[in-house]
Amino acid sequence: MSLETIILQANDCCSFKNQEGHGEAIQYFISKKNNLNIFSFGKKTKEHEEEIAYFNYRDAQWYAGRFIGEAVFEFNNLKYKIAINPRFGNTQLFMMLEEVYNIRLPHSNNNLEKQKEYQYLIKKLISFLWLNLLSKANKHGIPKNNSIKFQKGATIIGKLDIRKSILPIYTEEKIISKYHEKTPNKTITNILKNAHRMLKSEYHLTNEMISMSSKNAIEQLYTSKIDSGYVSENDYNKIQYRDIYLSYKPIVDLSWDIIKKKNFGNNEDKNKQGLSFFIDVAEIWEMYLRAILKRRFLKDGWIIRNDKITTYKNKDFSRTLIPDIVLEKGNDVMVWDAKYKRMEFVYFDYDRADFFQIHTYITYFKQSKNVVAGGLLYPFSREFDSYRQERNKANSLYAEEKNNIQFVVEGIDYSNLTDEKISTEEVNFLDRISAIINR
């Protein structure tokens, strides 16, 4: 007899519905995080340090983290389905991805909001983004290695190998020549081919989704004279990219995630354990903010820096600073940290560690640059009206009037979710940043 599925549902960064009596099942789900298939579209953190769910002691409730997706599993002879949905809806999520990748996803907004199977949505999304990354990577063809080939015959191809030709020239009246040939990288080619096959069979990838550039790259994969074979974790970790092929790293990493997809849980009976698919919305939020800030301010001379700063070099306490978004124009900079957390302007929404971190970044840049402004950028769940704007802005760092560095908590107001409102609030956010620059 099949078990009835208990559905534990939440929006990201929100509490689970119907959680009473199922805390141990949620704990089990959290404990199996390493068995979840978490797909990364941005910079990878250390095995996604954020928890996929957590217990909030202030209200004694289980909360979802910043990931969205689904997992089906059994616990204590009960069948569970964990479903974590985008708190601002599928339309807003897809609009962010369209901005990041400069694409138009092939779904109508109505269908997006009506679609309840998030595994289907996420799989389809992974397929589309895989194609997009492949298209962007395919600037110089699939990655190739230089290899040495030998030719035995009556003619010379490349250079004559005198030593190897001594015997065959007398016994067979043939010579051996040596030449260089570019051959597709076997490991990369097999990873991409295996991922493509899996996307077609399990991730709803269809021919209608494939652009001409992606089609060209896929044809190269299958026409290359590379035997399909097993790729080990060691083979993947040993991949080295020449500068010309560095653009392939994101697509190879995503392909490896797809190939590695794991069964949830450790039960040997795979029919009892479902597959899980999760994506990190915080990554997408950061990439989205970078994209819209670049689009708005690049024409005014502002560029986005990618900083990875090592402090206290050669010391035991050396640490790395990695600010999310640094905008620079000449000697002026703005320093921002993207925070995909629930923000309703209550005391505990303002995380102490986040504030220390962004102040550290600003103070570092203040040593050599003119810091115009800095702060934390959130998606707001409550209205960000003029009163809230004033309450979340200081005209100087630490509000001590000893400097001209504006510190703000800023972001996009998603309290009233309509398609038109989302676009309007994006413009309003950019206008407020522009006002900071021009004050």
Protein backbone atom coordinates (compact mmCIF):
# COMPACT_ATOMS: atom_id res chain seq x y z
CA MET A 1 0.00 0.00 0.00
CA SER A 2 1.44 3.36 -1.01
CA LEU A 3 1.95 5.92 1.71
CA GLU A 4 0.11 9.23 1.68
CA THR A 5 2.58 12.06 1.23
CA ILE A 6 2.90 14.64 4.00
CA ILE A 7 3.71 17.98 2.36
CA LEU A 8 5.78 20.48 4.33
CA GLN A 9 5.73 23.70 2.36
CA ALA A 10 7.36 27.09 2.84
CA ASN A 11 8.41 30.14 0.91
CA ASP A 12 12.14 30.82 1.04
CA CYS A 13 13.21 32.64 4.24
CA CYS A 14 9.77 31.93 5.76
CA SER A 15 8.36 29.40 8.24
CA PHE A 16 7.07 25.99 7.16
CA LYS A 17 3.34 25.48 7.05
CA ASN A 18 1.86 22.42 8.75
CA GLN A 19 5.12 21.80 10.63
CA GLU A 20 3.66 20.82 14.00
CA GLY A 21 4.62 17.25 14.86
CA HIS A 22 7.10 16.99 11.98
CA GLY A 23 10.16 18.69 13.46
CA GLU A 24 12.20 15.47 13.45
CA ALA A 25 11.46 14.96 9.75
CA ILE A 26 12.69 18.50 9.00
CA GLN A 27 15.81 17.81 11.08
CA TYR A 28 16.41 14.64 9.06
CA PHE A 29 16.00 16.65 5.85
CA ILE A 30 18.60 19.18 7.06
CA SER A 31 21.01 16.42 8.11
CA LYS A 32 20.99 15.03 4.56
CA LYS A 33 22.03 18.32 2.96
CA ASN A 34 25.06 16.69 1.33
CA ASN A 35 22.65 14.37 -0.50
CA LEU A 36 20.70 17.26 -2.00
CA ASN A 37 21.25 18.35 -5.58
CA ILE A 38 22.02 22.05 -5.17
CA PHE A 39 22.71 23.78 -8.47
CA SER A 40 24.85 26.88 -8.55
CA PHE A 41 24.48 29.66 -11.14
CA GLY A 42 26.87 32.12 -9.60
CA LYS A 43 30.04 32.03 -7.57
CA LYS A 44 30.15 28.89 -5.47
CA THR A 45 30.51 29.28 -1.76
CA LYS A 46 32.11 26.67 0.45
CA GLU A 47 29.55 23.89 -0.10
CA HIS A 48 26.81 26.48 0.26
CA GLU A 49 27.51 27.48 3.86
CA GLU A 50 23.95 28.68 4.47
CA GLU A 51 21.51 26.17 5.95
CA ILE A 52 18.73 24.90 3.73
CA ALA A 53 16.41 25.15 6.76
CA TYR A 54 16.83 26.10 10.40
CA PHE A 55 15.04 26.36 13.75
CA ASN A 56 14.23 29.88 14.94
CA TYR A 57 14.32 29.91 18.74
CA ARG A 58 12.61 33.30 18.96
CA ASP A 59 9.28 31.92 17.78
CA ALA A 60 10.04 28.16 18.04
CA GLN A 61 9.38 27.61 14.34
CA TRP A 62 11.21 25.83 11.53
CA TYR A 63 12.16 28.17 8.68
CA ALA A 64 13.32 27.61 5.11
CA GLY A 65 16.62 29.17 4.10
CA ARG A 66 17.46 30.91 0.85
CA PHE A 67 17.16 27.83 -1.40
CA ILE A 68 14.10 26.87 -3.45
CA GLY A 69 13.18 23.42 -4.71
CA GLU A 70 11.75 20.07 -3.68
CA ALA A 71 12.79 16.83 -2.01
CA VAL A 72 10.77 13.64 -1.50
CA PHE A 73 11.90 11.16 1.15
CA GLU A 74 10.77 8.69 3.81
CA PHE A 75 11.28 9.14 7.53
CA ASN A 76 9.96 6.85 10.29
CA ASN A 77 7.86 4.97 7.71
CA LEU A 78 6.17 8.17 6.59
CA LYS A 79 6.54 9.73 3.14
CA TYR A 80 7.42 13.43 3.08
CA LYS A 81 7.68 16.10 0.45
CA ILE A 82 9.59 19.28 1.30
CA ALA A 83 8.64 22.10 -1.07
CA ILE A 84 10.33 25.51 -0.80
CA ASN A 85 8.95 28.10 -3.19
CA PRO A 86 10.13 31.60 -4.22
CA ARG A 87 8.59 33.98 -1.69
CA PHE A 88 8.02 36.64 -4.36
CA GLY A 89 6.62 34.20 -6.92
CA ASN A 90 7.96 32.51 -10.02
CA THR A 91 7.47 35.57 -12.21
CA GLN A 92 9.86 37.68 -10.13
CA LEU A 93 12.42 34.84 -10.06
CA PHE A 94 12.32 34.44 -13.82
CA MET A 95 12.51 38.21 -14.36
CA MET A 96 15.74 38.25 -12.34
CA LEU A 97 17.19 35.42 -14.42
CA GLU A 98 16.18 37.12 -17.65
CA GLU A 99 18.07 40.23 -16.55
CA VAL A 100 21.16 38.29 -15.44
CA TYR A 101 21.48 36.21 -18.59
CA ASN A 102 19.93 38.68 -21.06
CA ILE A 103 17.45 36.06 -22.21
CA ARG A 104 13.72 35.58 -22.43
CA LEU A 105 12.58 32.39 -20.76
CA PRO A 106 9.98 30.47 -22.79
CA HIS A 107 7.12 30.61 -20.28
CA SER A 108 4.16 32.94 -20.04
CA ASN A 109 3.74 34.66 -16.70
CA ASN A 110 0.32 33.09 -16.20
CA ASN A 111 1.71 29.61 -16.67
CA LEU A 112 4.52 30.40 -14.27
CA GLU A 113 2.21 31.24 -11.41
CA LYS A 114 -0.14 28.34 -12.11
CA GLN A 115 2.64 25.77 -12.33
CA LYS A 116 2.85 23.96 -8.97
CA GLU A 117 5.47 21.34 -9.79
CA TYR A 118 8.65 23.13 -8.82
CA GLN A 119 10.81 20.17 -9.74
CA TYR A 120 9.55 20.60 -13.30
CA LEU A 121 10.19 24.34 -13.21
CA ILE A 122 13.67 24.01 -11.75
CA LYS A 123 14.65 21.21 -14.13
CA LYS A 124 13.44 23.25 -17.09
CA LEU A 125 15.29 26.27 -15.78
CA ILE A 126 18.51 24.28 -15.35
CA SER A 127 18.20 23.06 -18.95
CA PHE A 128 17.72 26.57 -20.27
CA LEU A 129 20.61 28.00 -18.28
CA TRP A 130 22.86 25.12 -19.35
CA LEU A 131 22.16 26.02 -22.98
CA ASN A 132 22.78 29.69 -22.26
CA LEU A 133 26.12 29.01 -20.57
CA LEU A 134 27.14 26.71 -23.42
CA SER A 135 26.28 29.39 -25.97
CA LYS A 136 28.35 32.00 -24.12
CA ALA A 137 31.29 29.63 -23.69
CA ASN A 138 31.44 28.58 -27.33
CA LYS A 139 33.58 31.46 -28.59
CA HIS A 140 36.51 29.40 -29.87
CA GLY A 141 34.93 25.96 -30.21
CA ILE A 142 35.02 23.21 -27.62
CA PRO A 143 38.25 23.07 -25.55
CA LYS A 144 41.11 21.30 -27.29
CA ASN A 145 44.52 20.00 -26.28
CA ASN A 146 47.67 19.92 -28.37
CA SER A 147 48.73 16.32 -28.97
CA ILE A 148 51.62 14.75 -30.87
CA LYS A 149 50.73 12.31 -33.67
CA PHE A 150 52.97 10.01 -35.69
CA GLN A 151 52.41 9.11 -39.35
CA LYS A 152 54.00 6.15 -41.13
CA GLY A 153 53.98 6.35 -44.92
CA ALA A 154 55.74 7.51 -48.06
CA THR A 155 55.06 11.19 -47.44
CA ILE A 156 55.97 13.53 -44.62
CA ILE A 157 53.34 15.23 -42.49
CA GLY A 158 54.87 17.78 -40.15
CA LYS A 159 58.49 16.88 -39.33
CA LEU A 160 60.49 13.79 -40.23
CA ASP A 161 61.40 11.70 -37.19
CA ILE A 162 64.79 10.42 -38.31
CA ARG A 163 65.42 8.11 -35.38
CA LYS A 164 62.05 6.35 -35.64
CA SER A 165 62.39 6.12 -39.46
CA ILE A 166 65.73 4.22 -39.55
CA LEU A 167 64.23 0.72 -39.30
CA PRO A 168 61.00 1.11 -41.33
CA ILE A 169 62.78 2.86 -44.22
CA TYR A 170 64.81 -0.34 -44.84
CA THR A 171 62.16 -2.92 -43.95
CA GLU A 172 59.03 -1.26 -45.36
CA GLU A 173 60.35 1.62 -47.47
CA LYS A 174 58.32 3.96 -45.26
CA ILE A 175 59.21 6.88 -43.07
CA ILE A 176 57.76 8.17 -39.82
CA SER A 177 56.85 11.81 -39.43
CA LYS A 178 55.68 13.71 -36.37
CA TYR A 179 53.02 16.43 -36.30
CA HIS A 180 50.90 18.35 -33.80
CA GLU A 181 47.14 18.07 -33.80
CA LYS A 182 44.48 19.79 -31.74
CA THR A 183 42.12 17.21 -30.24
CA PRO A 184 39.05 17.87 -28.07
CA ASN A 185 39.69 17.66 -24.34
CA LYS A 186 38.38 14.20 -23.49
CA THR A 187 37.26 14.93 -19.92
CA ILE A 188 35.45 18.17 -20.75
CA THR A 189 33.84 16.69 -23.87
CA ASN A 190 32.52 13.66 -22.00
CA ILE A 191 31.21 15.75 -19.10
CA LEU A 192 29.30 18.03 -21.49
CA LYS A 193 27.97 15.11 -23.56
CA ASN A 194 26.83 13.17 -20.49
CA ALA A 195 25.13 16.27 -19.08
CA HIS A 196 23.39 16.95 -22.41
CA ARG A 197 22.04 13.39 -22.56
CA MET A 198 20.77 13.66 -18.99
CA LEU A 199 19.13 17.03 -19.67
CA LYS A 200 17.30 15.57 -22.67
CA SER A 201 16.07 12.51 -20.80
CA GLU A 202 15.31 13.98 -17.36
CA TYR A 203 15.33 17.79 -17.46
CA HIS A 204 12.82 18.55 -20.22
CA LEU A 205 15.40 19.91 -22.67
CA THR A 206 13.81 20.12 -26.12
CA ASN A 207 15.12 21.10 -29.54
CA GLU A 208 12.90 24.20 -29.51
CA MET A 209 14.96 25.60 -26.63
CA ILE A 210 18.29 25.34 -28.48
CA SER A 211 19.74 28.49 -30.09
CA MET A 212 21.99 28.35 -33.15
CA SER A 213 25.10 28.97 -31.06
CA SER A 214 24.21 26.20 -28.61
CA LYS A 215 23.33 23.87 -31.48
CA ASN A 216 26.75 24.49 -33.04
CA ALA A 217 28.51 23.58 -29.78
CA ILE A 218 26.41 20.43 -29.30
CA GLU A 219 27.18 19.32 -32.86
CA GLN A 220 30.90 19.76 -32.13
CA LEU A 221 30.57 17.54 -29.05
CA TYR A 222 29.01 14.68 -30.97
CA THR A 223 31.17 14.94 -34.09
CA SER A 224 34.42 14.95 -32.10
CA LYS A 225 36.35 11.70 -32.29
CA ILE A 226 36.24 11.16 -28.56
CA ASP A 227 35.09 7.86 -27.11
CA SER A 228 32.42 8.23 -24.48
CA GLY A 229 33.56 7.00 -21.12
CA TYR A 230 33.30 7.25 -17.36
CA VAL A 231 34.59 10.47 -15.80
CA SER A 232 35.78 10.20 -12.20
CA GLU A 233 35.77 12.89 -9.53
CA ASN A 234 39.55 12.93 -9.83
CA ASP A 235 39.32 13.50 -13.61
CA TYR A 236 36.99 16.46 -13.02
CA ASN A 237 39.20 18.00 -10.33
CA LYS A 238 42.28 17.73 -12.58
CA ILE A 239 40.76 19.82 -15.40
CA GLN A 240 42.95 22.77 -16.31
CA TYR A 241 41.68 25.55 -18.56
CA ARG A 242 43.83 27.49 -20.97
CA ASP A 243 43.03 31.21 -20.96
CA ILE A 244 41.21 30.94 -24.27
CA TYR A 245 38.81 28.34 -22.82
CA LEU A 246 38.20 29.83 -19.34
CA SER A 247 34.64 30.67 -20.38
CA TYR A 248 33.90 26.92 -20.31
CA LYS A 249 34.43 26.56 -16.56
CA PRO A 250 30.87 27.62 -15.50
CA ILE A 251 29.21 25.24 -17.98
CA VAL A 252 31.52 22.35 -17.03
CA ASP A 253 30.86 22.95 -13.32
CA LEU A 254 27.10 23.00 -13.86
CA SER A 255 27.35 19.88 -16.06
CA TRP A 256 29.23 18.08 -13.31
CA ASP A 257 26.52 19.03 -10.80
CA ILE A 258 23.92 17.57 -13.17
CA ILE A 259 25.86 14.33 -13.68
CA LYS A 260 26.46 13.92 -9.95
CA LYS A 261 22.82 14.30 -9.02
CA LYS A 262 22.24 12.19 -5.97
CA ASN A 263 19.43 10.19 -4.48
CA PHE A 264 18.11 11.76 -1.31
CA GLY A 265 18.88 9.69 1.80
CA ASN A 266 21.04 6.61 2.26
CA ASN A 267 18.41 3.93 1.81
CA GLU A 268 19.47 1.25 -0.64
CA ASP A 269 15.91 0.97 -1.94
CA LYS A 270 15.97 3.91 -4.33
CA ASN A 271 12.24 3.66 -4.90
CA LYS A 272 11.74 4.92 -1.35
CA GLN A 273 13.86 8.00 -1.82
CA GLY A 274 13.11 10.84 -4.17
CA LEU A 275 15.46 13.08 -6.08
CA SER A 276 15.95 16.62 -4.85
CA PHE A 277 16.53 19.79 -6.83
CA PHE A 278 17.42 23.11 -5.22
CA ILE A 279 18.83 26.41 -6.41
CA ASP A 280 20.29 29.21 -4.32
CA VAL A 281 18.17 32.33 -4.82
CA ALA A 282 20.70 34.47 -2.92
CA GLU A 283 23.20 33.87 -5.74
CA ILE A 284 20.62 34.95 -8.30
CA TRP A 285 19.71 38.04 -6.23
CA GLU A 286 23.34 39.15 -6.13
CA MET A 287 23.86 38.56 -9.86
CA TYR A 288 20.61 40.40 -10.62
CA LEU A 289 21.65 43.47 -8.59
CA ARG A 290 25.04 43.52 -10.32
CA ALA A 291 23.30 43.33 -13.71
CA ILE A 292 20.84 46.19 -13.15
CA LEU A 293 23.43 48.45 -11.49
CA LYS A 294 25.80 47.86 -14.39
CA ARG A 295 23.05 48.53 -16.95
CA ARG A 296 22.05 51.80 -15.27
CA PHE A 297 25.44 53.29 -14.34
CA LEU A 298 27.92 51.98 -16.93
CA LYS A 299 26.95 54.79 -19.30
CA ASP A 300 27.89 57.30 -16.57
CA GLY A 301 31.38 55.87 -16.28
CA TRP A 302 30.88 53.53 -13.32
CA ILE A 303 32.37 50.05 -13.64
CA ILE A 304 31.81 46.99 -11.45
CA ARG A 305 34.95 45.61 -9.85
CA ASN A 306 35.43 41.98 -8.90
CA ASP A 307 37.47 42.25 -5.74
CA LYS A 308 39.01 39.42 -3.75
CA ILE A 309 41.20 41.18 -1.21
CA THR A 310 43.77 39.37 0.91
CA THR A 311 44.46 41.14 4.20
CA TYR A 312 47.50 40.58 6.42
CA LYS A 313 49.42 38.65 3.77
CA ASN A 314 51.84 35.99 5.03
CA LYS A 315 50.36 36.13 8.53
CA ASP A 316 48.61 33.30 10.38
CA PHE A 317 45.52 35.52 10.69
CA SER A 318 45.42 36.41 6.98
CA ARG A 319 41.85 36.60 5.71
CA THR A 320 40.09 37.34 2.42
CA LEU A 321 37.54 40.13 1.90
CA ILE A 322 35.06 39.54 -0.93
CA PRO A 323 32.52 42.38 -1.18
CA ASP A 324 29.55 41.49 -3.38
CA ILE A 325 29.35 44.67 -5.46
CA VAL A 326 31.93 47.44 -5.81
CA LEU A 327 31.12 50.27 -8.23
CA GLU A 328 34.08 52.45 -9.22
CA LYS A 329 34.45 55.68 -11.18
CA GLY A 330 37.92 57.17 -11.05
CA ASN A 331 38.75 57.57 -7.37
CA ASP A 332 35.11 57.22 -6.26
CA VAL A 333 33.66 53.90 -5.11
CA MET A 334 30.39 52.54 -3.73
CA VAL A 335 30.46 49.31 -1.73
CA TRP A 336 27.38 47.08 -1.45
CA ASP A 337 26.53 43.70 0.00
CA ALA A 338 23.55 41.82 -1.44
CA LYS A 339 21.40 40.20 1.25
CA TYR A 340 18.62 37.85 0.20
CA LYS A 341 17.04 37.78 3.63
CA ARG A 342 13.59 38.54 4.93
CA MET A 343 13.38 42.28 5.56
CA GLU A 344 10.29 43.80 7.16
CA PHE A 345 12.17 46.53 9.08
CA VAL A 346 11.91 44.90 12.51
CA TYR A 347 14.88 44.82 14.88
CA PHE A 348 15.99 41.22 14.27
CA ASP A 349 15.90 41.65 10.47
CA TYR A 350 19.05 43.77 10.74
CA ASP A 351 21.73 41.14 11.22
CA ARG A 352 24.66 42.19 13.42
CA ALA A 353 27.23 40.17 11.45
CA ASP A 354 26.06 41.68 8.15
CA PHE A 355 26.56 45.19 9.51
CA PHE A 356 30.05 44.43 10.82
CA GLN A 357 30.97 42.89 7.47
CA ILE A 358 29.87 45.79 5.26
CA HIS A 359 31.51 48.34 7.59
CA THR A 360 34.75 46.36 7.32
CA TYR A 361 34.56 46.52 3.52
CA ILE A 362 33.84 50.26 3.51
CA THR A 363 36.66 50.99 5.97
CA TYR A 364 39.10 49.01 3.82
CA PHE A 365 38.29 51.00 0.66
CA LYS A 366 38.27 54.27 2.62
CA GLN A 367 42.06 53.94 3.02
CA SER A 368 42.76 54.53 -0.67
CA LYS A 369 39.50 55.64 -2.30
CA ASN A 370 36.77 58.22 -1.88
CA VAL A 371 33.87 56.08 -0.69
CA VAL A 372 30.65 57.78 -1.79
CA ALA A 373 28.25 55.32 -0.19
CA GLY A 374 27.81 51.77 0.99
CA GLY A 375 25.25 49.51 2.56
CA LEU A 376 23.09 46.42 2.39
CA LEU A 377 20.69 45.63 -0.47
CA TYR A 378 17.57 43.58 0.30
CA PRO A 379 14.35 42.48 -1.37
CA PHE A 380 11.75 44.17 0.84
CA SER A 381 8.63 42.32 1.99
CA ARG A 382 7.04 45.48 3.44
CA GLU A 383 6.41 48.79 1.74
CA PHE A 384 9.54 50.94 1.45
CA ASP A 385 7.82 54.31 1.65
CA SER A 386 9.46 57.69 2.29
CA TYR A 387 9.25 57.17 6.06
CA ARG A 388 11.10 53.84 5.81
CA GLN A 389 13.63 55.31 3.39
CA GLU A 390 14.51 58.07 5.85
CA ARG A 391 14.72 55.59 8.74
CA ASN A 392 17.20 53.46 6.75
CA LYS A 393 19.64 56.14 5.67
CA ALA A 394 22.54 57.86 7.44
CA ASN A 395 24.36 60.80 5.85
CA SER A 396 27.69 59.69 7.29
CA LEU A 397 29.33 56.43 8.32
CA TYR A 398 28.36 55.58 11.93
CA ALA A 399 26.19 58.77 11.75
CA GLU A 400 28.97 60.74 13.45
CA GLU A 401 29.12 63.52 10.83
CA LYS A 402 32.92 63.10 10.60
CA ASN A 403 32.78 61.91 7.01
CA ASN A 404 30.62 62.16 3.90
CA ILE A 405 30.07 58.43 3.36
CA GLN A 406 26.36 57.71 3.12
CA PHE A 407 25.34 54.43 4.73
CA VAL A 408 21.99 52.98 3.69
CA VAL A 409 19.84 49.91 3.85
CA GLU A 410 18.36 49.83 0.37
CA GLY A 411 16.67 47.45 -2.02
CA ILE A 412 13.62 46.73 -4.13
CA ASP A 413 10.09 46.90 -2.73
CA TYR A 414 8.23 43.65 -3.48
CA SER A 415 5.38 44.28 -1.04
CA ASN A 416 2.88 44.72 -3.89
CA LEU A 417 3.60 42.01 -6.44
CA THR A 418 2.38 42.74 -9.94
CA ASP A 419 4.47 42.59 -13.12
CA GLU A 420 4.20 46.34 -13.65
CA LYS A 421 4.96 47.09 -10.00
CA ILE A 422 8.11 44.92 -10.05
CA SER A 423 9.51 46.87 -13.00
CA THR A 424 8.54 50.22 -11.46
CA GLU A 425 10.16 49.40 -8.12
CA GLU A 426 13.36 48.34 -9.87
CA VAL A 427 13.54 51.78 -11.50
CA ASN A 428 12.74 53.48 -8.17
CA PHE A 429 15.62 51.63 -6.51
CA LEU A 430 18.07 52.68 -9.23
CA ASP A 431 16.82 56.27 -9.02
CA ARG A 432 17.53 56.31 -5.29
CA ILE A 433 21.08 55.04 -5.87
CA SER A 434 21.51 57.72 -8.55
CA ALA A 435 20.36 60.37 -6.05
CA ILE A 436 23.03 59.18 -3.61
CA ILE A 437 25.70 59.61 -6.28
CA ASN A 438 24.52 63.06 -7.28
CA ARG A 439 23.78 64.52 -3.85
